[in-house]
């Protein structure tokens, strides 16, 4: 499998996993959804917003666009349904971005100002690895917070995604 094919797999997995997480979150009332659970971004809501902030920032950087974001803990949307709609659009944006990359383009260096790090330069390859790893890290936290709230978290491992995708072919 090529690097591009791996990124395509991860982008599609990312969309699938986010859909499953949002579906589980809909089982919570707003109080439980926004409850401070002592996570790095406090609540499920705070963590989902953080993921959207970071994805928008990284994707915009790769595209050479200004993301206009202010901070890593910025709340972009106040409710789950608005956030889900934005997440769906961002996941599509990521899939489209990855589908348009070439083996050569992933080695392009991108220089940007990080939220807390100042001027930084990384290749598109490294940015995408970071983005997908970051998503997995925080979805794991959300998984834990759903358990704390009494909701059975969804199975969101890559083999589950591949099995589901193969069944739907």
Protein backbone atom coordinates (compact mmCIF):
# COMPACT_ATOMS: atom_id res chain seq x y z
CA UNK A 1 0.00 0.00 0.00
CA UNK A 2 1.38 3.42 -0.91
CA UNK A 3 1.67 6.32 1.52
CA UNK A 4 -1.18 8.07 -0.29
CA UNK A 5 -3.36 4.93 -0.05
CA UNK A 6 -2.61 4.79 3.70
CA UNK A 7 -3.65 8.42 4.11
CA UNK A 8 -6.81 7.74 2.11
CA UNK A 9 -7.60 4.82 4.39
CA UNK A 10 -7.00 6.98 7.47
CA UNK A 11 -9.10 9.87 6.14
CA UNK A 12 -12.03 7.55 5.44
CA UNK A 13 -11.58 5.77 8.77
CA UNK A 14 -11.50 9.17 10.47
CA UNK A 15 -14.86 10.08 8.93
CA UNK A 16 -16.37 6.74 9.96
CA UNK A 17 -15.03 6.95 13.53
CA UNK A 18 -16.23 10.53 13.98
CA UNK A 19 -19.70 9.52 12.77
CA UNK A 20 -19.80 6.73 15.36
CA UNK A 21 -18.61 9.05 18.15
CA UNK A 22 -21.23 11.69 17.33
CA UNK A 23 -23.92 9.02 17.20
CA UNK A 24 -22.99 7.87 20.71
CA UNK A 25 -22.91 11.47 21.97
CA UNK A 26 -26.53 11.95 20.85
CA UNK A 27 -27.54 9.51 23.60
CA UNK A 28 -26.52 12.15 26.18
CA UNK A 29 -28.56 15.11 27.34
CA UNK A 30 -26.86 18.50 27.06
CA UNK A 31 -25.84 18.57 30.73
CA UNK A 32 -24.03 15.22 30.51
CA UNK A 33 -22.55 16.10 27.13
CA UNK A 34 -21.06 19.35 28.47
CA UNK A 35 -20.21 18.08 31.97
CA UNK A 36 -16.66 18.77 33.15
CA UNK A 37 -15.05 15.35 33.26
CA UNK A 38 -11.56 16.61 34.16
CA UNK A 39 -10.27 15.92 30.65
CA UNK A 40 -7.73 18.20 29.02
CA UNK A 41 -10.53 20.09 27.24
CA UNK A 42 -12.94 19.56 30.13
CA UNK A 43 -15.94 17.92 28.49
CA UNK A 44 -16.94 15.84 25.50
CA UNK A 45 -18.15 19.06 23.90
CA UNK A 46 -14.86 20.85 24.57
CA UNK A 47 -12.87 17.93 23.19
CA UNK A 48 -14.96 17.64 20.01
CA UNK A 49 -14.56 21.38 19.43
CA UNK A 50 -10.81 21.08 19.97
CA UNK A 51 -10.58 18.33 17.36
CA UNK A 52 -12.40 20.50 14.84
CA UNK A 53 -10.13 23.48 15.61
CA UNK A 54 -6.98 21.43 15.08
CA UNK A 55 -8.23 19.75 11.91
CA UNK A 56 -9.27 23.09 10.42
CA UNK A 57 -5.91 24.57 11.29
CA UNK A 58 -3.86 21.72 9.78
CA UNK A 59 -5.98 21.40 6.65
CA UNK A 60 -5.90 25.17 6.08
CA UNK A 61 -2.13 25.17 6.49
CA UNK A 62 -1.74 22.45 3.87
CA UNK A 63 -4.08 24.37 1.56
CA UNK A 64 -2.12 27.58 2.15
CA UNK A 65 -5.13 29.37 3.66
CA UNK A 66 -5.57 31.43 6.81
CA UNK A 67 -7.67 29.43 9.26
CA UNK A 68 -8.70 32.46 11.36
CA UNK A 69 -8.75 30.42 14.57
CA UNK A 70 -7.77 31.94 17.89
CA UNK A 71 -6.88 29.12 20.30
CA UNK A 72 -6.74 25.38 20.76
CA UNK A 73 -9.65 25.46 23.21
CA UNK A 74 -11.87 27.70 21.09
CA UNK A 75 -15.53 26.71 21.15
CA UNK A 76 -16.62 26.96 17.52
CA UNK A 77 -20.16 25.65 18.01
CA UNK A 78 -22.30 25.70 21.13
CA UNK A 79 -24.35 22.59 20.47
CA UNK A 80 -23.77 19.05 19.33
CA UNK A 81 -25.84 19.27 16.16
CA UNK A 82 -24.08 22.36 14.79
CA UNK A 83 -20.75 20.81 15.70
CA UNK A 84 -21.68 17.57 13.97
CA UNK A 85 -22.65 19.41 10.79
CA UNK A 86 -19.30 21.23 10.79
CA UNK A 87 -17.46 17.97 11.54
CA UNK A 88 -19.07 16.27 8.53
CA UNK A 89 -17.94 19.12 6.27
CA UNK A 90 -14.41 19.09 7.70
CA UNK A 91 -14.12 15.33 7.30
CA UNK A 92 -15.14 15.65 3.65
CA UNK A 93 -12.60 18.43 3.22
CA UNK A 94 -9.90 16.15 4.63
CA UNK A 95 -10.89 13.22 2.41
CA UNK A 96 -10.84 15.51 -0.65
CA UNK A 97 -7.46 16.94 0.34
CA UNK A 98 -5.89 13.50 0.76
CA UNK A 99 -7.45 12.22 -2.47
CA UNK A 100 -5.75 15.07 -4.34
CA UNK A 101 -2.25 14.50 -2.95
CA UNK A 102 0.56 12.88 -4.89
CA UNK A 103 3.55 10.90 -3.68
CA UNK A 104 5.67 13.98 -4.47
CA UNK A 105 3.41 16.58 -2.84
CA UNK A 106 3.45 14.93 0.59
CA UNK A 107 7.11 15.88 0.92
CA UNK A 108 6.38 19.59 0.44
CA UNK A 109 7.35 21.68 3.46
CA UNK A 110 4.75 23.93 5.02
CA UNK A 111 5.78 26.80 7.30
CA UNK A 112 3.14 28.23 9.62
CA UNK A 113 2.69 29.93 12.97
CA UNK A 114 1.48 27.42 15.55
CA UNK A 115 -0.96 28.42 18.27
CA UNK A 116 1.67 28.05 20.97
CA UNK A 117 4.86 27.16 19.08
CA UNK A 118 5.51 30.14 16.83
CA UNK A 119 6.95 29.60 13.37
CA UNK A 120 7.18 25.90 12.53
CA UNK A 121 8.02 23.94 9.37
CA UNK A 122 6.88 20.38 8.64
CA UNK A 123 6.19 18.31 5.57
CA UNK A 124 2.62 17.55 4.57
CA UNK A 125 3.42 13.92 5.41
CA UNK A 126 4.28 14.83 9.01
CA UNK A 127 1.29 17.15 9.35
CA UNK A 128 -1.10 14.41 8.23
CA UNK A 129 0.47 11.81 10.52
CA UNK A 130 0.07 14.28 13.38
CA UNK A 131 -3.53 15.08 12.45
CA UNK A 132 -4.62 11.43 12.35
CA UNK A 133 -2.73 10.54 15.52
CA UNK A 134 -4.23 13.57 17.27
CA UNK A 135 -7.74 12.51 16.26
CA UNK A 136 -7.18 9.02 17.64
CA UNK A 137 -5.75 10.36 20.89
CA UNK A 138 -8.73 12.60 21.63
CA UNK A 139 -11.35 10.12 20.42
CA UNK A 140 -9.87 7.81 23.05
CA UNK A 141 -10.53 10.47 25.67
CA UNK A 142 -14.10 10.87 24.41
CA UNK A 143 -14.48 7.09 24.54
CA UNK A 144 -13.56 7.23 28.23
CA UNK A 145 -15.89 10.18 28.91
CA UNK A 146 -18.79 8.36 27.24
CA UNK A 147 -18.13 5.43 29.60
CA UNK A 148 -18.16 7.82 32.56
CA UNK A 149 -21.54 9.09 31.38
CA UNK A 150 -22.96 5.54 31.25
CA UNK A 151 -22.97 5.29 27.45
CA UNK A 152 -21.44 2.25 25.80
CA UNK A 153 -18.70 3.67 23.54
CA UNK A 154 -18.63 2.48 19.95
CA UNK A 155 -16.02 0.10 18.56
CA UNK A 156 -13.82 2.38 16.45
CA UNK A 157 -10.74 0.40 15.55
CA UNK A 158 -9.44 0.30 11.99
CA UNK A 159 -10.22 -3.45 11.58
CA UNK A 160 -13.86 -2.66 12.49
CA UNK A 161 -13.91 0.05 9.83
CA UNK A 162 -12.38 -2.25 7.19
CA UNK A 163 -14.84 -5.03 8.05
CA UNK A 164 -17.80 -2.63 7.83
CA UNK A 165 -16.54 -1.16 4.56
CA UNK A 166 -16.04 -4.65 3.07
CA UNK A 167 -19.57 -5.71 4.07
CA UNK A 168 -21.00 -2.61 2.36
CA UNK A 169 -19.26 -3.28 -0.96
